[in-house]
Amino acid sequence: MKTLLLTGAGGFIGRNVIDFYQAKDINLILVDTEEGIARHKLNSVTPFESIDWDTWDKPIDGIIHLGAISDTTCEDWSKLLYYNIEASLEMVKLSRRFKIPLVYASSAAVYGDGKQGYSDAHSKNSALEPLNLYGKSKLEADKLILDQLNNDTIDDSIYGLRFFNVYGPYERRKALMASVISQAYAQIKETGRMRLFKSYHPAYADGGQLRDFVFVGDVIRVIDFLLESEPTSGIYNVGTGEANSFKHMIELVFDAMQREVLIDYIPMPESLKNQYQYHTESDNTKLVSAGFKTGYAHPSQTIQKTIEAYNRGKV
């Protein structure tokens, strides 16, 4: 039986990965931070901090490294350095030692305000300007890993995935960092209304801010494709390639919950105004060229599926 190492097992994407691979009868070794284990009350999960990765000797066939600080407002660089950069480099060493594929979580936050575009071409990295320390940490990890891939002659299968706005079951595990779809479900269920930030950009109306929203099931399809196919190593965007407005996505949530659309626009916190992305849209050229067949379902379908999962308790 194939065995995969999964870090960030208690998180949003990690919990969906567990469901996916358990259904395929694949064995998973689950790892999370001590904080994550305590927060999610996890059993049979090993603390990341307690493992000496240099002496790891359990047989594994692949690594899915999702463990990271995902709080985009985190200002603790030492924490980001350890969990978002050094931990990823440890997984690269483990991947190379066992000669197995590694998929690790990067982020579309590296693209900043988007003025340099959303191409995952490695040559573009030097021009990228993330808007926060979280994005900076993800970009630094990408650069360091790519430097290793470029400077060594080892035939690696290492993939950094720049996730765009992922949504789906189990998302409340991200707390305040949960997507607007998850937040809408909670607010509508409690108050019958939804609050969205006003726009402070002349090109975008209130609610007209655009994001590339991607369903977690499609994210896992990408992960599984890369582990199985092992195309050329490097950075790959993971989004639909199509931007949708916040207003449109929230209207779909109201529709899935069979509620009247009632949206209130509220001021954006001052701390976010200079870090806010008004438009993101994945460039999927490289992933498609690698052989991945997109075939993304319409948001109305995936949001319906998400709300149904929430109603079954997978919040």
Protein backbone atom coordinates (compact mmCIF):
# COMPACT_ATOMS: atom_id res chain seq x y z
CA MET A 1 0.00 0.00 0.00
CA LYS A 2 1.26 3.47 -0.89
CA THR A 3 2.11 5.76 2.05
CA LEU A 4 2.09 9.56 1.93
CA LEU A 5 3.39 12.00 4.54
CA LEU A 6 0.92 14.85 5.11
CA THR A 7 1.84 17.94 7.13
CA GLY A 8 -0.82 20.47 8.11
CA ALA A 9 -3.14 17.48 8.54
CA GLY A 10 -5.54 19.34 10.80
CA GLY A 11 -5.96 22.32 8.50
CA PHE A 12 -8.61 23.11 5.93
CA ILE A 13 -6.95 21.64 2.83
CA GLY A 14 -5.28 18.93 4.88
CA ARG A 15 -8.59 17.62 6.20
CA ASN A 16 -9.91 17.38 2.63
CA VAL A 17 -6.73 15.60 1.54
CA ILE A 18 -7.36 12.99 4.25
CA ASP A 19 -10.89 12.32 2.96
CA PHE A 20 -9.63 12.05 -0.63
CA TYR A 21 -6.79 9.59 0.01
CA GLN A 22 -8.67 7.50 2.55
CA ALA A 23 -11.27 6.91 -0.17
CA LYS A 24 -8.42 5.69 -2.41
CA ASP A 25 -7.17 3.34 0.34
CA ILE A 26 -3.81 5.13 0.60
CA ASN A 27 -2.02 5.19 3.94
CA LEU A 28 -1.30 8.64 5.43
CA ILE A 29 1.22 9.63 8.09
CA LEU A 30 -0.31 12.72 9.67
CA VAL A 31 1.73 15.63 11.04
CA ASP A 32 0.73 19.05 12.35
CA THR A 33 2.13 21.70 14.66
CA GLU A 34 1.67 21.33 18.40
CA GLU A 35 -0.60 24.37 18.24
CA GLY A 36 -2.65 22.87 15.41
CA ILE A 37 -3.02 19.54 17.21
CA ALA A 38 -4.26 21.27 20.35
CA ARG A 39 -6.61 23.59 18.45
CA HIS A 40 -8.25 20.86 16.39
CA LYS A 41 -8.13 18.20 19.17
CA LEU A 42 -6.44 15.74 16.82
CA ASN A 43 -5.63 12.13 17.62
CA SER A 44 -2.88 10.00 16.06
CA VAL A 45 -1.13 13.10 14.69
CA THR A 46 2.59 13.67 15.30
CA PRO A 47 3.77 17.17 16.29
CA PHE A 48 5.98 18.66 13.56
CA GLU A 49 8.30 20.20 16.16
CA SER A 50 9.04 16.83 17.80
CA ILE A 51 10.41 15.16 14.65
CA ASP A 52 14.11 14.97 13.80
CA TRP A 53 13.73 15.03 10.03
CA ASP A 54 17.41 14.17 9.44
CA THR A 55 16.88 10.75 11.06
CA TRP A 56 13.39 10.05 9.68
CA ASP A 57 13.35 6.40 8.58
CA LYS A 58 9.69 5.50 8.00
CA PRO A 59 9.08 4.41 4.38
CA ILE A 60 7.07 6.98 2.40
CA ASP A 61 6.17 7.29 -1.28
CA GLY A 62 5.42 11.02 -1.40
CA ILE A 63 5.08 14.20 0.67
CA ILE A 64 2.23 16.71 0.80
CA HIS A 65 3.54 19.63 2.83
CA LEU A 66 0.65 21.94 3.72
CA GLY A 67 1.82 22.91 7.20
CA ALA A 68 2.42 26.66 7.42
CA ILE A 69 1.40 29.91 9.06
CA SER A 70 -1.54 30.91 6.84
CA ASP A 71 -2.42 34.13 8.68
CA THR A 72 -1.83 36.89 6.14
CA THR A 73 -1.71 39.48 8.96
CA CYS A 74 1.09 37.73 10.90
CA GLU A 75 3.90 40.17 11.76
CA ASP A 76 6.16 37.66 13.55
CA TRP A 77 8.92 37.11 11.00
CA SER A 78 10.74 34.53 13.15
CA LYS A 79 7.60 32.40 13.22
CA LEU A 80 7.08 32.78 9.47
CA LEU A 81 10.75 32.01 8.86
CA TYR A 82 10.52 28.71 10.74
CA TYR A 83 7.14 27.40 9.58
CA ASN A 84 6.92 28.85 6.06
CA ILE A 85 10.54 28.72 4.93
CA GLU A 86 12.73 26.43 7.04
CA ALA A 87 10.06 23.73 7.33
CA SER A 88 9.64 23.68 3.55
CA LEU A 89 13.40 23.30 3.11
CA GLU A 90 13.32 20.33 5.52
CA MET A 91 10.71 18.68 3.32
CA VAL A 92 12.89 19.26 0.25
CA LYS A 93 15.78 17.47 2.00
CA LEU A 94 13.47 14.59 2.94
CA SER A 95 12.12 14.35 -0.60
CA ARG A 96 15.62 14.17 -2.04
CA ARG A 97 16.85 11.63 0.50
CA PHE A 98 13.98 9.25 -0.22
CA LYS A 99 13.86 10.17 -3.95
CA ILE A 100 10.11 10.76 -3.75
CA PRO A 101 7.82 13.55 -5.05
CA LEU A 102 7.05 16.56 -2.86
CA VAL A 103 4.14 18.96 -3.19
CA TYR A 104 4.32 22.00 -0.90
CA ALA A 105 2.00 24.95 -0.31
CA SER A 106 3.00 28.32 -1.70
CA SER A 107 0.46 31.11 -2.23
CA ALA A 108 -0.89 33.61 -4.74
CA ALA A 109 -0.08 36.22 -2.07
CA VAL A 110 3.39 36.36 -3.66
CA TYR A 111 1.87 38.34 -6.57
CA GLY A 112 1.07 41.35 -4.41
CA ASP A 113 -1.18 43.89 -6.13
CA GLY A 114 -0.89 42.01 -9.42
CA LYS A 115 0.90 44.73 -11.34
CA GLN A 116 3.50 42.16 -12.46
CA GLY A 117 0.78 39.76 -13.57
CA TYR A 118 0.07 36.25 -12.31
CA SER A 119 2.49 34.15 -14.31
CA ASP A 120 4.23 31.32 -12.43
CA ALA A 121 7.22 31.52 -14.78
CA HIS A 122 10.32 31.33 -12.59
CA SER A 123 11.90 34.29 -14.37
CA LYS A 124 9.16 36.55 -12.96
CA ASN A 125 9.99 35.93 -9.29
CA SER A 126 12.58 38.67 -8.93
CA ALA A 127 10.03 41.36 -9.86
CA LEU A 128 7.28 40.21 -7.48
CA GLU A 129 6.38 42.44 -4.51
CA PRO A 130 4.15 40.75 -1.88
CA LEU A 131 1.97 43.09 0.17
CA ASN A 132 2.61 41.41 3.52
CA LEU A 133 5.14 39.30 5.42
CA TYR A 134 3.12 36.15 4.81
CA GLY A 135 3.45 36.60 1.04
CA LYS A 136 7.11 37.49 1.45
CA SER A 137 7.76 34.26 3.37
CA LYS A 138 6.12 32.17 0.65
CA LEU A 139 8.09 33.92 -2.09
CA GLU A 140 11.37 33.47 -0.21
CA ALA A 141 10.68 29.74 0.20
CA ASP A 142 9.96 29.45 -3.53
CA LYS A 143 13.19 31.25 -4.44
CA LEU A 144 15.36 29.17 -2.12
CA ILE A 145 13.88 25.91 -3.34
CA LEU A 146 14.21 26.92 -6.99
CA ASP A 147 17.85 27.86 -6.37
CA GLN A 148 18.47 24.33 -5.14
CA LEU A 149 16.68 22.82 -8.13
CA ASN A 150 18.63 25.01 -10.56
CA ASN A 151 22.05 24.52 -8.97
CA ASP A 152 21.95 20.75 -8.46
CA THR A 153 21.88 17.96 -10.99
CA ILE A 154 19.56 15.73 -8.94
CA ASP A 155 16.46 14.61 -10.84
CA ASP A 156 13.82 15.95 -8.43
CA SER A 157 10.03 15.94 -8.42
CA ILE A 158 9.34 19.00 -6.28
CA TYR A 159 6.30 21.25 -6.79
CA GLY A 160 5.39 24.54 -5.12
CA LEU A 161 1.69 25.27 -5.48
CA ARG A 162 0.56 28.88 -5.50
CA PHE A 163 -2.98 28.51 -4.20
CA PHE A 164 -5.43 31.25 -5.11
CA ASN A 165 -8.63 31.69 -3.03
CA VAL A 166 -9.50 28.15 -1.98
CA TYR A 167 -12.90 27.30 -0.49
CA GLY A 168 -14.82 24.19 0.47
CA PRO A 169 -15.66 21.83 3.38
CA TYR A 170 -13.89 22.12 6.76
CA GLU A 171 -12.89 25.72 6.15
CA ARG A 172 -13.76 27.13 9.56
CA ARG A 173 -10.44 25.59 10.64
CA LYS A 174 -8.86 28.69 9.07
CA ALA A 175 -10.81 30.91 11.50
CA LEU A 176 -10.45 34.57 10.44
CA MET A 177 -8.50 33.52 7.34
CA ALA A 178 -11.43 31.48 6.01
CA SER A 179 -12.71 32.43 2.57
CA VAL A 180 -15.63 34.78 2.05
CA ILE A 181 -17.79 31.76 1.17
CA SER A 182 -17.25 30.21 4.58
CA GLN A 183 -17.72 33.53 6.34
CA ALA A 184 -20.92 34.17 4.38
CA TYR A 185 -22.41 30.84 5.43
CA ALA A 186 -21.81 31.63 9.11
CA GLN A 187 -23.10 35.21 8.88
CA ILE A 188 -26.18 34.39 6.80
CA LYS A 189 -27.08 31.49 9.06
CA GLU A 190 -26.83 33.74 12.13
CA THR A 191 -28.19 37.08 10.85
CA GLY A 192 -29.67 36.52 7.40
CA ARG A 193 -27.23 39.10 6.01
CA MET A 194 -23.62 39.32 4.80
CA ARG A 195 -21.03 42.04 5.34
CA LEU A 196 -18.45 42.84 2.68
CA PHE A 197 -15.68 45.43 2.67
CA LYS A 198 -16.27 48.63 0.74
CA SER A 199 -13.96 49.26 -2.19
CA TYR A 200 -11.29 51.95 -1.90
CA HIS A 201 -10.14 51.57 -5.50
CA PRO A 202 -11.83 53.72 -8.20
CA ALA A 203 -11.82 50.82 -10.70
CA TYR A 204 -13.89 48.54 -8.47
CA ALA A 205 -17.39 49.06 -7.10
CA ASP A 206 -18.32 47.86 -3.62
CA GLY A 207 -18.46 44.08 -3.90
CA GLY A 208 -16.80 44.26 -7.30
CA GLN A 209 -13.37 43.25 -6.00
CA LEU A 210 -12.24 40.21 -8.00
CA ARG A 211 -10.63 36.96 -6.92
CA ASP A 212 -9.83 33.63 -8.52
CA PHE A 213 -11.93 31.38 -6.26
CA VAL A 214 -11.01 27.69 -6.57
CA PHE A 215 -12.83 24.72 -5.01
CA VAL A 216 -10.71 22.59 -2.67
CA GLY A 217 -11.64 19.45 -4.61
CA ASP A 218 -9.91 20.90 -7.67
CA VAL A 219 -6.86 21.79 -5.58
CA ILE A 220 -6.58 18.16 -4.49
CA ARG A 221 -6.92 17.01 -8.11
CA VAL A 222 -3.84 19.10 -8.88
CA ILE A 223 -1.93 17.67 -5.91
CA ASP A 224 -2.78 14.10 -6.92
CA PHE A 225 -1.91 14.76 -10.58
CA LEU A 226 1.55 16.08 -9.67
CA LEU A 227 2.32 13.20 -7.30
CA GLU A 228 1.24 10.63 -9.88
CA SER A 229 2.56 12.21 -13.10
CA GLU A 230 5.71 13.89 -11.77
CA PRO A 231 6.11 16.52 -14.53
CA THR A 232 8.94 19.07 -14.55
CA SER A 233 9.73 20.38 -11.06
CA GLY A 234 8.94 23.98 -10.19
CA ILE A 235 6.21 26.42 -9.23
CA TYR A 236 2.63 25.89 -10.41
CA ASN A 237 -0.38 28.17 -10.03
CA VAL A 238 -3.53 26.53 -8.66
CA GLY A 239 -6.62 28.51 -9.59
CA THR A 240 -9.42 28.35 -12.13
CA GLY A 241 -7.99 31.03 -14.40
CA GLU A 242 -11.19 33.05 -14.03
CA ALA A 243 -11.84 35.89 -11.58
CA ASN A 244 -15.26 36.34 -9.94
CA SER A 245 -16.50 39.24 -7.86
CA PHE A 246 -17.18 38.92 -4.16
CA LYS A 247 -20.75 40.06 -4.77
CA HIS A 248 -21.38 37.34 -7.34
CA MET A 249 -19.97 34.59 -5.12
CA ILE A 250 -22.00 35.76 -2.12
CA GLU A 251 -25.15 35.85 -4.21
CA LEU A 252 -24.47 32.19 -5.04
CA VAL A 253 -24.16 31.41 -1.33
CA PHE A 254 -27.49 33.11 -0.61
CA ASP A 255 -29.01 31.11 -3.46
CA ALA A 256 -27.57 27.81 -2.18
CA MET A 257 -28.97 28.59 1.28
CA GLN A 258 -32.31 29.62 -0.26
CA ARG A 259 -32.17 33.05 1.36
CA GLU A 260 -32.90 36.58 0.13
CA VAL A 261 -29.75 38.45 -0.89
CA LEU A 262 -28.98 41.06 1.78
CA ILE A 263 -25.45 42.52 1.65
CA ASP A 264 -24.06 45.35 3.80
CA TYR A 265 -20.84 47.12 2.82
CA ILE A 266 -18.61 48.05 5.74
CA PRO A 267 -15.36 50.06 6.07
CA MET A 268 -12.13 48.15 5.59
CA PRO A 269 -9.75 48.18 8.59
CA GLU A 270 -6.91 50.65 8.10
CA SER A 271 -4.39 47.82 8.61
CA LEU A 272 -5.68 46.06 5.47
CA LYS A 273 -6.02 48.97 3.07
CA ASN A 274 -2.40 48.86 1.92
CA GLN A 275 -2.32 45.04 1.77
CA TYR A 276 -5.51 44.40 -0.14
CA GLN A 277 -5.57 42.56 -3.46
CA TYR A 278 -8.37 43.92 -5.67
CA HIS A 279 -7.89 41.40 -8.45
CA THR A 280 -6.31 37.95 -8.75
CA GLU A 281 -6.50 35.55 -11.66
CA SER A 282 -4.38 32.45 -12.08
CA ASP A 283 -2.32 31.94 -15.23
CA ASN A 284 -2.63 28.17 -15.73
CA THR A 285 -0.46 27.90 -18.83
CA LYS A 286 2.28 25.86 -17.16
CA LEU A 287 -0.06 23.45 -15.37
CA VAL A 288 -2.04 22.77 -18.55
CA SER A 289 1.19 22.28 -20.50
CA ALA A 290 2.24 19.70 -17.90
CA GLY A 291 -0.84 17.66 -18.80
CA PHE A 292 -3.39 18.66 -16.16
CA LYS A 293 -6.93 18.77 -17.51
CA THR A 294 -8.72 21.67 -15.84
CA GLY A 295 -12.44 21.02 -16.31
CA TYR A 296 -13.45 23.19 -13.36
CA ALA A 297 -17.13 23.08 -12.39
CA HIS A 298 -19.09 26.36 -12.36
CA PRO A 299 -18.98 28.14 -8.96
CA SER A 300 -22.74 27.68 -8.60
CA GLN A 301 -22.16 23.90 -8.48
CA THR A 302 -19.16 23.91 -6.17
CA ILE A 303 -20.72 26.45 -3.80
CA GLN A 304 -23.85 24.28 -3.66
CA LYS A 305 -21.64 21.30 -2.83
CA THR A 306 -19.82 23.35 -0.19
CA ILE A 307 -23.03 24.51 1.52
CA GLU A 308 -24.35 20.95 1.55
CA ALA A 309 -21.10 19.83 3.23
CA TYR A 310 -21.43 22.63 5.79
CA ASN A 311 -24.97 21.52 6.54
CA ARG A 312 -23.64 18.01 7.22
CA GLY A 313 -21.24 19.44 9.79
CA LYS A 314 -18.12 19.68 7.62
CA VAL A 315 -17.60 23.32 8.49
